[in-house]
PDB file of N, CA and C in Angstrom:
ATOM      1  N   MET A   1     138.629  98.948  35.158  1.00  0.00           N
ATOM      2  CA  MET A   1     139.143  97.747  34.528  1.00  0.00           C
ATOM      3  C   MET A   1     140.480  98.079  33.887  1.00  0.00           C
ATOM      4  N   ILE A   2     141.383  97.121  33.918  1.00  0.00           N
ATOM      5  CA  ILE A   2     142.705  97.270  33.317  1.00  0.00           C
ATOM      6  C   ILE A   2     142.795  96.331  32.131  1.00  0.00           C
ATOM      7  N   THR A   3     143.229  96.830  30.996  1.00  0.00           N
ATOM      8  CA  THR A   3     143.406  96.004  29.801  1.00  0.00           C
ATOM      9  C   THR A   3     144.891  95.748  29.605  1.00  0.00           C
ATOM     10  N   LEU A   4     145.249  94.487  29.413  1.00  0.00           N
ATOM     11  CA  LEU A   4     146.637  94.088  29.207  1.00  0.00           C
ATOM     12  C   LEU A   4     146.796  93.530  27.803  1.00  0.00           C
ATOM     13  N   THR A   5     148.015  93.575  27.270  1.00  0.00           N
ATOM     14  CA  THR A   5     148.295  93.080  25.933  1.00  0.00           C
ATOM     15  C   THR A   5     149.063  91.765  26.020  1.00  0.00           C
ATOM     16  N   VAL A   6     148.669  90.787  25.228  1.00  0.00           N
ATOM     17  CA  VAL A   6     149.345  89.501  25.162  1.00  0.00           C
ATOM     18  C   VAL A   6     150.460  89.600  24.120  1.00  0.00           C
ATOM     19  N   THR A   7     151.684  89.173  24.501  1.00  0.00           N
ATOM     20  CA  THR A   7     152.815  89.215  23.576  1.00  0.00           C
ATOM     21  C   THR A   7     152.756  88.038  22.614  1.00  0.00           C
ATOM     22  N   SER A   8     153.643  88.034  21.627  1.00  0.00           N
ATOM     23  CA  SER A   8     153.701  86.928  20.662  1.00  0.00           C
ATOM     24  C   SER A   8     154.085  85.610  21.343  1.00  0.00           C
ATOM     25  N   LYS A   9     154.694  85.687  22.521  1.00  0.00           N
ATOM     26  CA  LYS A   9     155.053  84.483  23.281  1.00  0.00           C
ATOM     27  C   LYS A   9     153.922  84.028  24.199  1.00  0.00           C
ATOM     28  N   GLY A  10     152.784  84.740  24.145  1.00  0.00           N
ATOM     29  CA  GLY A  10     151.653  84.379  24.986  1.00  0.00           C
ATOM     30  C   GLY A  10     151.791  84.877  26.412  1.00  0.00           C
ATOM     31  N   GLN A  11     152.636  85.867  26.638  1.00  0.00           N
ATOM     32  CA  GLN A  11     152.863  86.396  27.977  1.00  0.00           C
ATOM     33  C   GLN A  11     152.123  87.711  28.188  1.00  0.00           C
ATOM     34  N   VAL A  12     151.806  87.969  29.447  1.00  0.00           N
ATOM     35  CA  VAL A  12     151.151  89.215  29.838  1.00  0.00           C
ATOM     36  C   VAL A  12     151.968  89.817  30.975  1.00  0.00           C
ATOM     37  N   THR A  13     152.230  91.095  30.906  1.00  0.00           N
ATOM     38  CA  THR A  13     152.938  91.791  31.974  1.00  0.00           C
ATOM     39  C   THR A  13     151.917  92.543  32.819  1.00  0.00           C
ATOM     40  N   LEU A  14     151.942  92.273  34.129  1.00  0.00           N
ATOM     41  CA  LEU A  14     151.044  92.974  35.031  1.00  0.00           C
ATOM     42  C   LEU A  14     151.649  94.331  35.389  1.00  0.00           C
ATOM     43  N   ARG A  15     150.821  95.344  35.392  1.00  0.00           N
ATOM     44  CA  ARG A  15     151.286  96.687  35.707  1.00  0.00           C
ATOM     45  C   ARG A  15     151.690  96.784  37.180  1.00  0.00           C
ATOM     46  N   ARG A  16     152.551  97.733  37.469  1.00  0.00           N
ATOM     47  CA  ARG A  16     153.050  97.921  38.831  1.00  0.00           C
ATOM     48  C   ARG A  16     151.913  98.106  39.836  1.00  0.00           C
ATOM     49  N   ASP A  17     150.885  98.887  39.479  1.00  0.00           N
ATOM     50  CA  ASP A  17     149.797  99.115  40.432  1.00  0.00           C
ATOM     51  C   ASP A  17     149.031  97.825  40.733  1.00  0.00           C
ATOM     52  N   VAL A  18     148.959  96.923  39.757  1.00  0.00           N
ATOM     53  CA  VAL A  18     148.303  95.627  39.978  1.00  0.00           C
ATOM     54  C   VAL A  18     149.155  94.780  40.924  1.00  0.00           C
ATOM     55  N   LEU A  19     150.460  94.758  40.689  1.00  0.00           N
ATOM     56  CA  LEU A  19     151.360  94.003  41.565  1.00  0.00           C
ATOM     57  C   LEU A  19     151.337  94.546  42.989  1.00  0.00           C
ATOM     58  N   GLU A  20     151.298  95.866  43.119  1.00  0.00           N
ATOM     59  CA  GLU A  20     151.209  96.466  44.453  1.00  0.00           C
ATOM     60  C   GLU A  20     149.898  96.098  45.128  1.00  0.00           C
ATOM     61  N   HIS A  21     148.823  96.075  44.355  1.00  0.00           N
ATOM     62  CA  HIS A  21     147.521  95.673  44.898  1.00  0.00           C
ATOM     63  C   HIS A  21     147.571  94.231  45.410  1.00  0.00           C
ATOM     64  N   LEU A  22     148.281  93.363  44.695  1.00  0.00           N
ATOM     65  CA  LEU A  22     148.432  91.967  45.105  1.00  0.00           C
ATOM     66  C   LEU A  22     149.411  91.819  46.265  1.00  0.00           C
ATOM     67  N   GLY A  23     150.251  92.834  46.464  1.00  0.00           N
ATOM     68  CA  GLY A  23     151.257  92.770  47.523  1.00  0.00           C
ATOM     69  C   GLY A  23     152.445  91.911  47.159  1.00  0.00           C
ATOM     70  N   VAL A  24     152.768  91.837  45.867  1.00  0.00           N
ATOM     71  CA  VAL A  24     153.912  91.035  45.429  1.00  0.00           C
ATOM     72  C   VAL A  24     154.970  91.927  44.800  1.00  0.00           C
ATOM     73  N   GLY A  25     156.199  91.464  44.864  1.00  0.00           N
ATOM     74  CA  GLY A  25     157.309  92.202  44.295  1.00  0.00           C
ATOM     75  C   GLY A  25     158.181  91.290  43.456  1.00  0.00           C
ATOM     76  N   PRO A  26     159.305  91.804  42.983  1.00  0.00           N
ATOM     77  CA  PRO A  26     160.209  91.013  42.148  1.00  0.00           C
ATOM     78  C   PRO A  26     160.608  89.697  42.818  1.00  0.00           C
ATOM     79  N   GLY A  27     160.547  88.616  42.067  1.00  0.00           N
ATOM     80  CA  GLY A  27     160.924  87.301  42.565  1.00  0.00           C
ATOM     81  C   GLY A  27     159.822  86.550  43.292  1.00  0.00           C
ATOM     82  N   GLU A  28     158.727  87.230  43.620  1.00  0.00           N
ATOM     83  CA  GLU A  28     157.622  86.558  44.300  1.00  0.00           C
ATOM     84  C   GLU A  28     156.675  85.957  43.271  1.00  0.00           C
ATOM     85  N   GLN A  29     155.828  85.067  43.722  1.00  0.00           N
ATOM     86  CA  GLN A  29     154.952  84.346  42.808  1.00  0.00           C
ATOM     87  C   GLN A  29     153.492  84.732  42.999  1.00  0.00           C
ATOM     88  N   ILE A  30     152.701  84.479  41.952  1.00  0.00           N
ATOM     89  CA  ILE A  30     151.257  84.664  42.018  1.00  0.00           C
ATOM     90  C   ILE A  30     150.594  83.356  41.605  1.00  0.00           C
ATOM     91  N   ASP A  31     149.402  83.131  42.108  1.00  0.00           N
ATOM     92  CA  ASP A  31     148.597  81.968  41.729  1.00  0.00           C
ATOM     93  C   ASP A  31     147.524  82.428  40.763  1.00  0.00           C
ATOM     94  N   VAL A  32     147.279  81.631  39.722  1.00  0.00           N
ATOM     95  CA  VAL A  32     146.223  81.908  38.763  1.00  0.00           C
ATOM     96  C   VAL A  32     145.284  80.704  38.751  1.00  0.00           C
ATOM     97  N   THR A  33     143.998  80.961  38.978  1.00  0.00           N
ATOM     98  CA  THR A  33     142.994  79.913  38.965  1.00  0.00           C
ATOM     99  C   THR A  33     142.086  80.127  37.766  1.00  0.00           C
ATOM    100  N   LYS A  34     141.930  79.076  36.942  1.00  0.00           N
ATOM    101  CA  LYS A  34     141.029  79.152  35.798  1.00  0.00           C
ATOM    102  C   LYS A  34     139.609  78.862  36.284  1.00  0.00           C
ATOM    103  N   LEU A  35     138.708  79.799  36.055  1.00  0.00           N
ATOM    104  CA  LEU A  35     137.319  79.632  36.456  1.00  0.00           C
ATOM    105  C   LEU A  35     136.509  79.075  35.292  1.00  0.00           C
ATOM    106  N   PRO A  36     135.414  78.379  35.566  1.00  0.00           N
ATOM    107  CA  PRO A  36     134.675  77.692  34.505  1.00  0.00           C
ATOM    108  C   PRO A  36     134.070  78.607  33.442  1.00  0.00           C
ATOM    109  N   ASP A  37     133.859  79.877  33.738  1.00  0.00           N
ATOM    110  CA  ASP A  37     133.220  80.755  32.760  1.00  0.00           C
ATOM    111  C   ASP A  37     134.221  81.523  31.889  1.00  0.00           C
ATOM    112  N   GLY A  38     135.461  81.045  31.838  1.00  0.00           N
ATOM    113  CA  GLY A  38     136.471  81.689  30.998  1.00  0.00           C
ATOM    114  C   GLY A  38     137.237  82.798  31.693  1.00  0.00           C
ATOM    115  N   ARG A  39     136.890  83.104  32.930  1.00  0.00           N
ATOM    116  CA  ARG A  39     137.631  84.106  33.688  1.00  0.00           C
ATOM    117  C   ARG A  39     138.770  83.443  34.440  1.00  0.00           C
ATOM    118  N   ILE A  40     139.684  84.272  34.934  1.00  0.00           N
ATOM    119  CA  ILE A  40     140.744  83.774  35.805  1.00  0.00           C
ATOM    120  C   ILE A  40     140.735  84.579  37.092  1.00  0.00           C
ATOM    121  N   GLU A  41     141.272  83.983  38.125  1.00  0.00           N
ATOM    122  CA  GLU A  41     141.448  84.665  39.402  1.00  0.00           C
ATOM    123  C   GLU A  41     142.942  84.711  39.681  1.00  0.00           C
ATOM    124  N   VAL A  42     143.455  85.899  39.984  1.00  0.00           N
ATOM    125  CA  VAL A  42     144.879  86.090  40.246  1.00  0.00           C
ATOM    126  C   VAL A  42     145.026  86.553  41.682  1.00  0.00           C
ATOM    127  N   ARG A  43     145.921  85.895  42.421  1.00  0.00           N
ATOM    128  CA  ARG A  43     146.196  86.304  43.801  1.00  0.00           C
ATOM    129  C   ARG A  43     147.647  86.005  44.147  1.00  0.00           C
ATOM    130  N   ALA A  44     148.141  86.680  45.156  1.00  0.00           N
ATOM    131  CA  ALA A  44     149.510  86.439  45.611  1.00  0.00           C
ATOM    132  C   ALA A  44     149.614  85.004  46.101  1.00  0.00           C
ATOM    133  N   ALA A  45     150.682  84.314  45.706  1.00  0.00           N
ATOM    134  CA  ALA A  45     150.895  82.932  46.132  1.00  0.00           C
ATOM    135  C   ALA A  45     151.286  82.917  47.599  1.00  0.00           C
ATOM    136  N   SER A  46     150.783  81.942  48.308  1.00  0.00           N
ATOM    137  CA  SER A  46     151.167  81.771  49.703  1.00  0.00           C
ATOM    138  C   SER A  46     152.607  81.294  49.737  1.00  0.00           C
ATOM    139  N   THR A  47     153.444  82.036  50.432  1.00  0.00           N
ATOM    140  CA  THR A  47     154.861  81.667  50.483  1.00  0.00           C
ATOM    141  C   THR A  47     155.212  80.909  51.736  1.00  0.00           C
ATOM    142  N   GLY A  48     154.341  80.932  52.725  1.00  0.00           N
ATOM    143  CA  GLY A  48     154.636  80.256  53.977  1.00  0.00           C
ATOM    144  C   GLY A  48     154.042  78.868  54.022  1.00  0.00           C
ATOM    145  N   GLU A  49     154.793  77.972  54.608  1.00  0.00           N
ATOM    146  CA  GLU A  49     154.301  76.620  54.813  1.00  0.00           C
ATOM    147  C   GLU A  49     154.316  76.334  56.301  1.00  0.00           C
ATOM    148  N   ILE A  50     153.303  75.642  56.768  1.00  0.00           N
ATOM    149  CA  ILE A  50     153.212  75.344  58.190  1.00  0.00           C
ATOM    150  C   ILE A  50     154.423  74.540  58.644  1.00  0.00           C
ATOM    151  N   SER A  51     155.022  73.753  57.746  1.00  0.00           N
ATOM    152  CA  SER A  51     156.183  72.946  58.120  1.00  0.00           C
ATOM    153  C   SER A  51     157.380  73.803  58.509  1.00  0.00           C
ATOM    154  N   SER A  52     157.385  75.079  58.100  1.00  0.00           N
ATOM    155  CA  SER A  52     158.501  75.942  58.475  1.00  0.00           C
ATOM    156  C   SER A  52     158.495  76.246  59.973  1.00  0.00           C
ATOM    157  N   LEU A  53     157.386  75.937  60.657  1.00  0.00           N
ATOM    158  CA  LEU A  53     157.298  76.174  62.094  1.00  0.00           C
ATOM    159  C   LEU A  53     157.805  75.007  62.925  1.00  0.00           C
ATOM    160  N   PHE A  54     157.862  73.811  62.335  1.00  0.00           N
ATOM    161  CA  PHE A  54     158.234  72.632  63.104  1.00  0.00           C
ATOM    162  C   PHE A  54     159.615  72.815  63.725  1.00  0.00           C
ATOM    163  N   GLY A  55     159.705  72.572  64.991  1.00  0.00           N
ATOM    164  CA  GLY A  55     160.973  72.673  65.685  1.00  0.00           C
ATOM    165  C   GLY A  55     161.328  74.071  66.157  1.00  0.00           C
ATOM    166  N   MET A  56     160.550  75.071  65.780  1.00  0.00           N
ATOM    167  CA  MET A  56     160.890  76.445  66.155  1.00  0.00           C
ATOM    168  C   MET A  56     160.510  76.770  67.593  1.00  0.00           C
ATOM    169  N   LEU A  57     159.581  76.031  68.151  1.00  0.00           N
ATOM    170  CA  LEU A  57     159.082  76.379  69.470  1.00  0.00           C
ATOM    171  C   LEU A  57     159.890  75.751  70.595  1.00  0.00           C
ATOM    172  N   THR A  58     160.775  74.841  70.273  1.00  0.00           N
ATOM    173  CA  THR A  58     161.618  74.237  71.306  1.00  0.00           C
ATOM    174  C   THR A  58     163.073  74.387  70.908  1.00  0.00           C
ATOM    175  N   LYS A  59     163.832  74.990  71.768  1.00  0.00           N
ATOM    176  CA  LYS A  59     165.271  75.164  71.565  1.00  0.00           C
ATOM    177  C   LYS A  59     165.970  74.727  72.847  1.00  0.00           C
ATOM    178  N   LYS A  60     166.943  73.832  72.720  1.00  0.00           N
ATOM    179  CA  LYS A  60     167.669  73.359  73.898  1.00  0.00           C
ATOM    180  C   LYS A  60     168.412  74.515  74.560  1.00  0.00           C
ATOM    181  N   GLY A  61     168.327  74.563  75.873  1.00  0.00           N
ATOM    182  CA  GLY A  61     169.041  75.579  76.625  1.00  0.00           C
ATOM    183  C   GLY A  61     168.362  76.931  76.676  1.00  0.00           C
ATOM    184  N   ARG A  62     167.153  77.031  76.162  1.00  0.00           N
ATOM    185  CA  ARG A  62     166.420  78.298  76.182  1.00  0.00           C
ATOM    186  C   ARG A  62     165.129  78.126  76.967  1.00  0.00           C
ATOM    187  N   PRO A  63     164.693  79.208  77.635  1.00  0.00           N
ATOM    188  CA  PRO A  63     163.421  79.113  78.369  1.00  0.00           C
ATOM    189  C   PRO A  63     162.247  78.983  77.401  1.00  0.00           C
ATOM    190  N   PRO A  64     161.109  78.465  77.894  1.00  0.00           N
ATOM    191  CA  PRO A  64     159.929  78.345  77.029  1.00  0.00           C
ATOM    192  C   PRO A  64     159.513  79.714  76.488  1.00  0.00           C
ATOM    193  N   LEU A  65     158.908  79.707  75.306  1.00  0.00           N
ATOM    194  CA  LEU A  65     158.445  80.946  74.684  1.00  0.00           C
ATOM    195  C   LEU A  65     157.121  81.399  75.288  1.00  0.00           C
ATOM    196  N   SER A  66     156.926  82.710  75.306  1.00  0.00           N
ATOM    197  CA  SER A  66     155.646  83.258  75.763  1.00  0.00           C
ATOM    198  C   SER A  66     154.608  83.105  74.656  1.00  0.00           C
ATOM    199  N   ILE A  67     153.351  83.275  74.999  1.00  0.00           N
ATOM    200  CA  ILE A  67     152.276  83.219  73.998  1.00  0.00           C
ATOM    201  C   ILE A  67     152.509  84.265  72.915  1.00  0.00           C
ATOM    202  N   ASP A  68     152.928  85.473  73.314  1.00  0.00           N
ATOM    203  CA  ASP A  68     153.195  86.531  72.335  1.00  0.00           C
ATOM    204  C   ASP A  68     154.314  86.135  71.374  1.00  0.00           C
ATOM    205  N   GLU A  69     155.365  85.494  71.890  1.00  0.00           N
ATOM    206  CA  GLU A  69     156.464  85.049  71.030  1.00  0.00           C
ATOM    207  C   GLU A  69     155.994  83.952  70.071  1.00  0.00           C
ATOM    208  N   ILE A  70     155.182  83.032  70.568  1.00  0.00           N
ATOM    209  CA  ILE A  70     154.647  81.963  69.718  1.00  0.00           C
ATOM    210  C   ILE A  70     153.770  82.557  68.625  1.00  0.00           C
ATOM    211  N   ASN A  71     152.918  83.529  68.985  1.00  0.00           N
ATOM    212  CA  ASN A  71     152.068  84.174  67.985  1.00  0.00           C
ATOM    213  C   ASN A  71     152.894  84.876  66.910  1.00  0.00           C
ATOM    214  N   GLU A  72     153.967  85.557  67.289  1.00  0.00           N
ATOM    215  CA  GLU A  72     154.832  86.243  66.326  1.00  0.00           C
ATOM    216  C   GLU A  72     155.516  85.238  65.402  1.00  0.00           C
ATOM    217  N   ILE A  73     156.011  84.146  65.958  1.00  0.00           N
ATOM    218  CA  ILE A  73     156.658  83.111  65.146  1.00  0.00           C
ATOM    219  C   ILE A  73     155.656  82.507  64.166  1.00  0.00           C
ATOM    220  N   THR A  74     154.432  82.266  64.630  1.00  0.00           N
ATOM    221  CA  THR A  74     153.391  81.724  63.761  1.00  0.00           C
ATOM    222  C   THR A  74     153.096  82.677  62.618  1.00  0.00           C
ATOM    223  N   LYS A  75     152.961  83.964  62.922  1.00  0.00           N
ATOM    224  CA  LYS A  75     152.697  84.970  61.893  1.00  0.00           C
ATOM    225  C   LYS A  75     153.829  85.001  60.868  1.00  0.00           C
ATOM    226  N   GLN A  76     155.062  84.945  61.326  1.00  0.00           N
ATOM    227  CA  GLN A  76     156.205  84.948  60.411  1.00  0.00           C
ATOM    228  C   GLN A  76     156.223  83.691  59.544  1.00  0.00           C
ATOM    229  N   GLY A  77     155.889  82.554  60.139  1.00  0.00           N
ATOM    230  CA  GLY A  77     155.874  81.301  59.382  1.00  0.00           C
ATOM    231  C   GLY A  77     154.876  81.324  58.251  1.00  0.00           C
ATOM    232  N   TRP A  78     153.673  81.838  58.510  1.00  0.00           N
ATOM    233  CA  TRP A  78     152.649  81.900  57.481  1.00  0.00           C
ATOM    234  C   TRP A  78     152.978  82.932  56.416  1.00  0.00           C
ATOM    235  N   SER A  79     153.720  83.970  56.785  1.00  0.00           N
ATOM    236  CA  SER A  79     154.064  85.006  55.802  1.00  0.00           C
ATOM    237  C   SER A  79     155.284  84.618  54.973  1.00  0.00           C
ATOM    238  N   GLY A  80     155.974  83.535  55.381  1.00  0.00           N
ATOM    239  CA  GLY A  80     157.180  83.122  54.665  1.00  0.00           C
ATOM    240  C   GLY A  80     158.397  83.910  55.084  1.00  0.00           C
ATOM    241  N   LYS A  81     158.290  84.694  56.128  1.00  0.00           N
ATOM    242  CA  LYS A  81     159.398  85.532  56.587  1.00  0.00           C
ATOM    243  C   LYS A  81     159.830  85.056  57.966  1.00  0.00           C
ATOM    244  N   VAL A  82     160.379  83.854  58.007  1.00  0.00           N
ATOM    245  CA  VAL A  82     160.742  83.219  59.261  1.00  0.00           C
ATOM    246  C   VAL A  82     162.092  83.731  59.736  1.00  0.00           C
ATOM    247  N   ASP A  83     162.171  84.123  61.015  1.00  0.00           N
ATOM    248  CA  ASP A  83     163.405  84.563  61.637  1.00  0.00           C
ATOM    249  C   ASP A  83     164.054  83.332  62.259  1.00  0.00           C
ATOM    250  N   GLU A  84     165.074  82.781  61.627  1.00  0.00           N
ATOM    251  CA  GLU A  84     165.707  81.547  62.075  1.00  0.00           C
ATOM    252  C   GLU A  84     166.566  81.753  63.315  1.00  0.00           C
ATOM    253  N   THR A  85     166.780  82.971  63.759  1.00  0.00           N
ATOM    254  CA  THR A  85     167.664  83.226  64.903  1.00  0.00           C
ATOM    255  C   THR A  85     166.986  83.022  66.237  1.00  0.00           C
ATOM    256  N   ARG A  86     165.688  82.841  66.256  1.00  0.00           N
ATOM    257  CA  ARG A  86     164.971  82.654  67.535  1.00  0.00           C
ATOM    258  C   ARG A  86     165.280  81.323  68.130  1.00  0.00           C
TER     259      ARG A  86
END
């Protein structure tokens, strides 16, 4: 168990090992869910939106994408790391 200290401003700083466990870094967000028994659940915020994929699978003047290319684009879209050059 990790014990954290609340500042006078009501803030808590998560330790580096906790952030690494969540897979988040500087500038990224986390989601906090308040549970009914007074506990909270902390997880990395989803940064990808399905809408980031719209229009990516059709490009004028380019051949259709392979299944492998579509799968890679989908994975990037959900991770929030979309390669706009495709």
